[in-house]
């Protein structure tokens, strides 16, 4: 199974926040509507990661993420 994981860079205290952790399948790209929903969720996660980065002092990423957390935002219902 494929996954999309979006994290912000690791902070001084340890594990980076996981802003999207989602299993993906080809059906997520099977229609324009399904693909747009996936892209929308990805866009939210990227925007949230940028916001996390803006709110803390600049840090260097020095390793892979630790324990992922579930992404809490729900997709828009059509």
PDB file of N, CA and C in Angstrom:
ATOM      1  N   UNK A   1       0.844  -1.167   0.000  1.00  0.00           N
ATOM      2  CA  UNK A   1       0.000   0.000   0.000  1.00  0.00           C
ATOM      3  C   UNK A   1       0.892   1.234   0.000  1.00  0.00           C
ATOM      4  N   UNK A   2       0.554   2.213  -0.798  1.00  0.00           N
ATOM      5  CA  UNK A   2       1.303   3.468  -0.862  1.00  0.00           C
ATOM      6  C   UNK A   2       0.776   4.442   0.189  1.00  0.00           C
ATOM      7  N   UNK A   3       1.649   5.343   0.635  1.00  0.00           N
ATOM      8  CA  UNK A   3       1.264   6.347   1.635  1.00  0.00           C
ATOM      9  C   UNK A   3       1.785   7.703   1.208  1.00  0.00           C
ATOM     10  N   UNK A   4       1.052   8.720   1.578  1.00  0.00           N
ATOM     11  CA  UNK A   4       1.522  10.098   1.471  1.00  0.00           C
ATOM     12  C   UNK A   4       1.674  10.588   2.900  1.00  0.00           C
ATOM     13  N   UNK A   5       2.865  11.061   3.237  1.00  0.00           N
ATOM     14  CA  UNK A   5       3.136  11.594   4.566  1.00  0.00           C
ATOM     15  C   UNK A   5       3.745  12.976   4.395  1.00  0.00           C
ATOM     16  N   UNK A   6       3.132  13.963   5.054  1.00  0.00           N
ATOM     17  CA  UNK A   6       3.669  15.321   5.054  1.00  0.00           C
ATOM     18  C   UNK A   6       3.995  15.666   6.497  1.00  0.00           C
ATOM     19  N   UNK A   7       5.247  16.079   6.731  1.00  0.00           N
ATOM     20  CA  UNK A   7       5.672  16.515   8.055  1.00  0.00           C
ATOM     21  C   UNK A   7       6.315  17.883   7.944  1.00  0.00           C
ATOM     22  N   UNK A   8       6.324  18.589   9.060  1.00  0.00           N
ATOM     23  CA  UNK A   8       7.151  19.787   9.153  1.00  0.00           C
ATOM     24  C   UNK A   8       8.528  19.322   9.616  1.00  0.00           C
ATOM     25  N   UNK A   9       9.524  20.177   9.479  1.00  0.00           N
ATOM     26  CA  UNK A   9      10.860  19.797   9.945  1.00  0.00           C
ATOM     27  C   UNK A   9      10.847  19.524  11.432  1.00  0.00           C
ATOM     28  N   UNK A  10      11.751  18.668  11.849  1.00  0.00           N
ATOM     29  CA  UNK A  10      11.901  18.294  13.261  1.00  0.00           C
ATOM     30  C   UNK A  10      12.183  19.548  14.082  1.00  0.00           C
ATOM     31  N   UNK A  11      11.532  19.663  15.228  1.00  0.00           N
ATOM     32  CA  UNK A  11      11.841  20.783  16.106  1.00  0.00           C
ATOM     33  C   UNK A  11      12.878  20.369  17.136  1.00  0.00           C
ATOM     34  N   UNK A  12      13.257  21.273  17.992  1.00  0.00           N
ATOM     35  CA  UNK A  12      14.304  21.023  18.969  1.00  0.00           C
ATOM     36  C   UNK A  12      13.898  19.912  19.940  1.00  0.00           C
ATOM     37  N   UNK A  13      12.608  19.783  20.224  1.00  0.00           N
ATOM     38  CA  UNK A  13      12.131  18.833  21.232  1.00  0.00           C
ATOM     39  C   UNK A  13      12.010  17.402  20.740  1.00  0.00           C
ATOM     40  N   UNK A  14      12.128  17.138  19.448  1.00  0.00           N
ATOM     41  CA  UNK A  14      12.050  15.753  19.003  1.00  0.00           C
ATOM     42  C   UNK A  14      11.287  15.554  17.725  1.00  0.00           C
ATOM     43  N   UNK A  15      10.236  14.747  17.791  1.00  0.00           N
ATOM     44  CA  UNK A  15       9.517  14.306  16.599  1.00  0.00           C
ATOM     45  C   UNK A  15       8.828  15.470  15.889  1.00  0.00           C
ATOM     46  N   UNK A  16       8.905  15.490  14.573  1.00  0.00           N
ATOM     47  CA  UNK A  16       8.211  16.542  13.816  1.00  0.00           C
ATOM     48  C   UNK A  16       6.709  16.263  13.789  1.00  0.00           C
ATOM     49  N   UNK A  17       5.916  17.319  13.685  1.00  0.00           N
ATOM     50  CA  UNK A  17       4.480  17.075  13.570  1.00  0.00           C
ATOM     51  C   UNK A  17       4.152  16.444  12.223  1.00  0.00           C
ATOM     52  N   UNK A  18       3.287  15.449  12.245  1.00  0.00           N
ATOM     53  CA  UNK A  18       2.812  14.818  11.020  1.00  0.00           C
ATOM     54  C   UNK A  18       1.481  15.467  10.670  1.00  0.00           C
ATOM     55  N   UNK A  19       1.419  16.098   9.509  1.00  0.00           N
ATOM     56  CA  UNK A  19       0.254  16.870   9.120  1.00  0.00           C
ATOM     57  C   UNK A  19      -0.641  16.131   8.142  1.00  0.00           C
ATOM     58  N   UNK A  20      -0.119  15.095   7.527  1.00  0.00           N
ATOM     59  CA  UNK A  20      -0.919  14.221   6.673  1.00  0.00           C
ATOM     60  C   UNK A  20      -0.256  12.853   6.677  1.00  0.00           C
ATOM     61  N   UNK A  21      -1.027  11.835   6.905  1.00  0.00           N
ATOM     62  CA  UNK A  21      -0.546  10.450   6.862  1.00  0.00           C
ATOM     63  C   UNK A  21      -1.708   9.642   6.310  1.00  0.00           C
ATOM     64  N   UNK A  22      -1.657   9.364   5.023  1.00  0.00           N
ATOM     65  CA  UNK A  22      -2.817   8.789   4.345  1.00  0.00           C
ATOM     66  C   UNK A  22      -2.399   7.675   3.399  1.00  0.00           C
ATOM     67  N   UNK A  23      -3.130   6.581   3.448  1.00  0.00           N
ATOM     68  CA  UNK A  23      -2.958   5.522   2.457  1.00  0.00           C
ATOM     69  C   UNK A  23      -3.596   5.992   1.160  1.00  0.00           C
ATOM     70  N   UNK A  24      -2.942   5.721   0.053  1.00  0.00           N
ATOM     71  CA  UNK A  24      -3.496   6.126  -1.242  1.00  0.00           C
ATOM     72  C   UNK A  24      -3.523   4.947  -2.198  1.00  0.00           C
ATOM     73  N   UNK A  25      -4.512   4.955  -3.036  1.00  0.00           N
ATOM     74  CA  UNK A  25      -4.718   3.907  -4.032  1.00  0.00           C
ATOM     75  C   UNK A  25      -4.997   4.565  -5.380  1.00  0.00           C
ATOM     76  N   UNK A  26      -4.912   3.799  -6.442  1.00  0.00           N
ATOM     77  CA  UNK A  26      -5.150   4.349  -7.778  1.00  0.00           C
ATOM     78  C   UNK A  26      -6.554   4.934  -7.906  1.00  0.00           C
ATOM     79  N   UNK A  27      -7.507   4.435  -7.130  1.00  0.00           N
ATOM     80  CA  UNK A  27      -8.864   4.970  -7.179  1.00  0.00           C
ATOM     81  C   UNK A  27      -8.885   6.450  -6.789  1.00  0.00           C
ATOM     82  N   UNK A  28      -7.909   6.898  -6.008  1.00  0.00           N
ATOM     83  CA  UNK A  28      -7.847   8.304  -5.620  1.00  0.00           C
ATOM     84  C   UNK A  28      -7.549   9.209  -6.810  1.00  0.00           C
ATOM     85  N   UNK A  29      -7.136   8.635  -7.927  1.00  0.00           N
ATOM     86  CA  UNK A  29      -6.876   9.402  -9.147  1.00  0.00           C
ATOM     87  C   UNK A  29      -7.781   8.971 -10.291  1.00  0.00           C
ATOM     88  N   UNK A  30      -8.787   8.154  -9.988  1.00  0.00           N
ATOM     89  CA  UNK A  30      -9.618   7.564 -11.038  1.00  0.00           C
ATOM     90  C   UNK A  30     -10.612   8.535 -11.657  1.00  0.00           C
ATOM     91  N   UNK A  31     -10.990   9.569 -10.935  1.00  0.00           N
ATOM     92  CA  UNK A  31     -11.887  10.596 -11.480  1.00  0.00           C
ATOM     93  C   UNK A  31     -11.319  11.957 -11.128  1.00  0.00           C
ATOM     94  N   UNK A  32     -11.746  12.954 -11.855  1.00  0.00           N
ATOM     95  CA  UNK A  32     -11.299  14.318 -11.559  1.00  0.00           C
ATOM     96  C   UNK A  32     -11.681  14.750 -10.154  1.00  0.00           C
ATOM     97  N   UNK A  33     -12.881  14.381  -9.739  1.00  0.00           N
ATOM     98  CA  UNK A  33     -13.352  14.770  -8.407  1.00  0.00           C
ATOM     99  C   UNK A  33     -12.514  14.122  -7.305  1.00  0.00           C
ATOM    100  N   UNK A  34     -12.263  12.827  -7.422  1.00  0.00           N
ATOM    101  CA  UNK A  34     -11.460  12.122  -6.425  1.00  0.00           C
ATOM    102  C   UNK A  34     -10.039  12.686  -6.373  1.00  0.00           C
ATOM    103  N   UNK A  35      -9.468  12.959  -7.526  1.00  0.00           N
ATOM    104  CA  UNK A  35      -8.119  13.512  -7.586  1.00  0.00           C
ATOM    105  C   UNK A  35      -8.075  14.901  -6.944  1.00  0.00           C
ATOM    106  N   UNK A  36      -9.085  15.717  -7.189  1.00  0.00           N
ATOM    107  CA  UNK A  36      -9.126  17.057  -6.600  1.00  0.00           C
ATOM    108  C   UNK A  36      -9.244  16.988  -5.082  1.00  0.00           C
ATOM    109  N   UNK A  37      -9.985  16.010  -4.564  1.00  0.00           N
ATOM    110  CA  UNK A  37     -10.085  15.856  -3.111  1.00  0.00           C
ATOM    111  C   UNK A  37      -8.727  15.491  -2.508  1.00  0.00           C
ATOM    112  N   UNK A  38      -7.995  14.589  -3.169  1.00  0.00           N
ATOM    113  CA  UNK A  38      -6.668  14.216  -2.694  1.00  0.00           C
ATOM    114  C   UNK A  38      -5.732  15.430  -2.728  1.00  0.00           C
ATOM    115  N   UNK A  39      -5.748  16.161  -3.824  1.00  0.00           N
ATOM    116  CA  UNK A  39      -4.900  17.351  -3.948  1.00  0.00           C
ATOM    117  C   UNK A  39      -5.282  18.396  -2.901  1.00  0.00           C
ATOM    118  N   UNK A  40      -6.569  18.523  -2.620  1.00  0.00           N
ATOM    119  CA  UNK A  40      -7.018  19.476  -1.604  1.00  0.00           C
ATOM    120  C   UNK A  40      -6.450  19.107  -0.226  1.00  0.00           C
ATOM    121  N   UNK A  41      -6.514  17.833   0.139  1.00  0.00           N
ATOM    122  CA  UNK A  41      -5.965  17.392   1.420  1.00  0.00           C
ATOM    123  C   UNK A  41      -4.451  17.609   1.470  1.00  0.00           C
ATOM    124  N   UNK A  42      -3.773  17.324   0.372  1.00  0.00           N
ATOM    125  CA  UNK A  42      -2.333  17.551   0.298  1.00  0.00           C
ATOM    126  C   UNK A  42      -2.018  19.038   0.445  1.00  0.00           C
ATOM    127  N   UNK A  43      -2.793  19.875  -0.210  1.00  0.00           N
ATOM    128  CA  UNK A  43      -2.607  21.321  -0.100  1.00  0.00           C
ATOM    129  C   UNK A  43      -2.788  21.822   1.322  1.00  0.00           C
ATOM    130  N   UNK A  44      -3.813  21.305   2.030  1.00  0.00           N
ATOM    131  CA  UNK A  44      -4.009  21.689   3.433  1.00  0.00           C
ATOM    132  C   UNK A  44      -2.789  21.325   4.266  1.00  0.00           C
ATOM    133  N   UNK A  45      -2.285  20.110   4.068  1.00  0.00           N
ATOM    134  CA  UNK A  45      -1.138  19.645   4.853  1.00  0.00           C
ATOM    135  C   UNK A  45       0.103  20.487   4.565  1.00  0.00           C
ATOM    136  N   UNK A  46       0.332  20.824   3.307  1.00  0.00           N
ATOM    137  CA  UNK A  46       1.488  21.655   2.956  1.00  0.00           C
ATOM    138  C   UNK A  46       1.365  23.040   3.568  1.00  0.00           C
ATOM    139  N   UNK A  47       0.174  23.604   3.508  1.00  0.00           N
ATOM    140  CA  UNK A  47      -0.071  24.914   4.102  1.00  0.00           C
ATOM    141  C   UNK A  47       0.146  24.871   5.614  1.00  0.00           C
ATOM    142  N   UNK A  48      -0.357  23.819   6.261  1.00  0.00           N
ATOM    143  CA  UNK A  48      -0.171  23.665   7.705  1.00  0.00           C
ATOM    144  C   UNK A  48       1.304  23.505   8.060  1.00  0.00           C
ATOM    145  N   UNK A  49       2.057  22.767   7.249  1.00  0.00           N
ATOM    146  CA  UNK A  49       3.493  22.579   7.500  1.00  0.00           C
ATOM    147  C   UNK A  49       4.222  23.914   7.384  1.00  0.00           C
ATOM    148  N   UNK A  50       3.871  24.708   6.389  1.00  0.00           N
ATOM    149  CA  UNK A  50       4.493  26.025   6.239  1.00  0.00           C
ATOM    150  C   UNK A  50       4.185  26.905   7.444  1.00  0.00           C
ATOM    151  N   UNK A  51       2.968  26.836   7.948  1.00  0.00           N
ATOM    152  CA  UNK A  51       2.581  27.622   9.118  1.00  0.00           C
ATOM    153  C   UNK A  51       3.384  27.196  10.352  1.00  0.00           C
ATOM    154  N   UNK A  52       3.562  25.883  10.531  1.00  0.00           N
ATOM    155  CA  UNK A  52       4.370  25.387  11.651  1.00  0.00           C
ATOM    156  C   UNK A  52       5.791  25.930  11.542  1.00  0.00           C
ATOM    157  N   UNK A  53       6.342  25.905  10.346  1.00  0.00           N
ATOM    158  CA  UNK A  53       7.704  26.387  10.134  1.00  0.00           C
ATOM    159  C   UNK A  53       7.826  27.882  10.419  1.00  0.00           C
ATOM    160  N   UNK A  54       6.824  28.658  10.046  1.00  0.00           N
ATOM    161  CA  UNK A  54       6.863  30.105  10.290  1.00  0.00           C
ATOM    162  C   UNK A  54       6.793  30.437  11.784  1.00  0.00           C
ATOM    163  N   UNK A  55       6.142  29.581  12.570  1.00  0.00           N
ATOM    164  CA  UNK A  55       5.909  29.866  13.986  1.00  0.00           C
ATOM    165  C   UNK A  55       7.063  29.490  14.901  1.00  0.00           C
ATOM    166  N   UNK A  56       8.076  28.829  14.402  1.00  0.00           N
ATOM    167  CA  UNK A  56       9.168  28.445  15.288  1.00  0.00           C
ATOM    168  C   UNK A  56      10.505  28.892  14.711  1.00  0.00           C
ATOM    169  N   UNK A  57      11.509  28.955  15.585  1.00  0.00           N
ATOM    170  CA  UNK A  57      12.839  29.343  15.105  1.00  0.00           C
ATOM    171  C   UNK A  57      13.336  28.359  14.060  1.00  0.00           C
ATOM    172  N   UNK A  58      14.141  28.839  13.147  1.00  0.00           N
ATOM    173  CA  UNK A  58      14.670  27.986  12.082  1.00  0.00           C
ATOM    174  C   UNK A  58      15.491  26.844  12.672  1.00  0.00           C
ATOM    175  N   UNK A  59      15.161  25.605  12.253  1.00  0.00           N
ATOM    176  CA  UNK A  59      15.909  24.424  12.692  1.00  0.00           C
ATOM    177  C   UNK A  59      16.306  23.611  11.473  1.00  0.00           C
ATOM    178  N   UNK A  60      17.339  22.797  11.636  1.00  0.00           N
ATOM    179  CA  UNK A  60      17.794  21.934  10.549  1.00  0.00           C
ATOM    180  C   UNK A  60      17.214  20.551  10.750  1.00  0.00           C
ATOM    181  N   UNK A  61      16.701  19.942   9.696  1.00  0.00           N
ATOM    182  CA  UNK A  61      16.202  18.569   9.782  1.00  0.00           C
ATOM    183  C   UNK A  61      17.397  17.629   9.834  1.00  0.00           C
ATOM    184  N   UNK A  62      17.404  16.765  10.851  1.00  0.00           N
ATOM    185  CA  UNK A  62      18.576  15.919  11.013  1.00  0.00           C
ATOM    186  C   UNK A  62      18.238  14.438  11.057  1.00  0.00           C
ATOM    187  N   UNK A  63      17.068  14.043  10.593  1.00  0.00           N
ATOM    188  CA  UNK A  63      16.770  12.625  10.576  1.00  0.00           C
ATOM    189  C   UNK A  63      15.337  12.361  10.172  1.00  0.00           C
ATOM    190  N   UNK A  64      14.991  11.094  10.000  1.00  0.00           N
ATOM    191  CA  UNK A  64      13.630  10.748   9.606  1.00  0.00           C
ATOM    192  C   UNK A  64      12.643  10.989  10.744  1.00  0.00           C
ATOM    193  N   UNK A  65      11.382  11.097  10.385  1.00  0.00           N
ATOM    194  CA  UNK A  65      10.357  11.323  11.397  1.00  0.00           C
ATOM    195  C   UNK A  65      10.223  10.109  12.303  1.00  0.00           C
ATOM    196  N   UNK A  66       9.674  10.362  13.478  1.00  0.00           N
ATOM    197  CA  UNK A  66       9.455   9.281  14.433  1.00  0.00           C
ATOM    198  C   UNK A  66       8.040   8.758  14.261  1.00  0.00           C
ATOM    199  N   UNK A  67       7.230   8.803  15.294  1.00  0.00           N
ATOM    200  CA  UNK A  67       5.904   8.218  15.270  1.00  0.00           C
ATOM    201  C   UNK A  67       4.912   9.134  14.562  1.00  0.00           C
ATOM    202  N   UNK A  68       4.308   8.694  13.442  1.00  0.00           N
ATOM    203  CA  UNK A  68       3.338   9.543  12.754  1.00  0.00           C
ATOM    204  C   UNK A  68       2.026   9.610  13.526  1.00  0.00           C
ATOM    205  N   UNK A  69       1.358  10.743  13.393  1.00  0.00           N
ATOM    206  CA  UNK A  69       0.033  10.925  13.973  1.00  0.00           C
ATOM    207  C   UNK A  69      -0.959  11.092  12.837  1.00  0.00           C
ATOM    208  N   UNK A  70      -2.200  10.765  13.080  1.00  0.00           N
ATOM    209  CA  UNK A  70      -3.238  10.861  12.056  1.00  0.00           C
ATOM    210  C   UNK A  70      -3.526  12.322  11.730  1.00  0.00           C
ATOM    211  N   UNK A  71      -3.859  12.588  10.505  1.00  0.00           N
ATOM    212  CA  UNK A  71      -4.245  13.911  10.052  1.00  0.00           C
ATOM    213  C   UNK A  71      -5.698  14.132  10.393  1.00  0.00           C
ATOM    214  N   UNK A  72      -6.025  15.252  11.010  1.00  0.00           N
ATOM    215  CA  UNK A  72      -7.360  15.423  11.568  1.00  0.00           C
ATOM    216  C   UNK A  72      -8.350  16.127  10.647  1.00  0.00           C
ATOM    217  N   UNK A  73      -7.891  16.815   9.627  1.00  0.00           N
ATOM    218  CA  UNK A  73      -8.806  17.569   8.776  1.00  0.00           C
ATOM    219  C   UNK A  73      -9.602  16.613   7.884  1.00  0.00           C
ATOM    220  N   UNK A  74     -10.875  16.865   7.735  1.00  0.00           N
ATOM    221  CA  UNK A  74     -11.744  16.004   6.936  1.00  0.00           C
ATOM    222  C   UNK A  74     -11.888  16.563   5.516  1.00  0.00           C
ATOM    223  N   UNK A  75     -12.007  15.719   4.485  1.00  0.00           N
ATOM    224  CA  UNK A  75     -12.184  16.197   3.119  1.00  0.00           C
ATOM    225  C   UNK A  75     -13.553  16.871   2.948  1.00  0.00           C
ATOM    226  N   UNK A  76     -13.614  17.752   1.989  1.00  0.00           N
ATOM    227  CA  UNK A  76     -14.868  18.431   1.661  1.00  0.00           C
ATOM    228  C   UNK A  76     -15.823  17.436   1.019  1.00  0.00           C
ATOM    229  N   UNK A  77     -17.049  17.439   1.460  1.00  0.00           N
ATOM    230  CA  UNK A  77     -18.071  16.562   0.884  1.00  0.00           C
ATOM    231  C   UNK A  77     -18.659  17.218  -0.352  1.00  0.00           C
ATOM    232  N   UNK A  78     -18.813  16.457  -1.409  1.00  0.00           N
ATOM    233  CA  UNK A  78     -19.372  17.000  -2.654  1.00  0.00           C
ATOM    234  C   UNK A  78     -20.866  16.805  -2.706  1.00  0.00           C
TER     235      UNK A  78
END
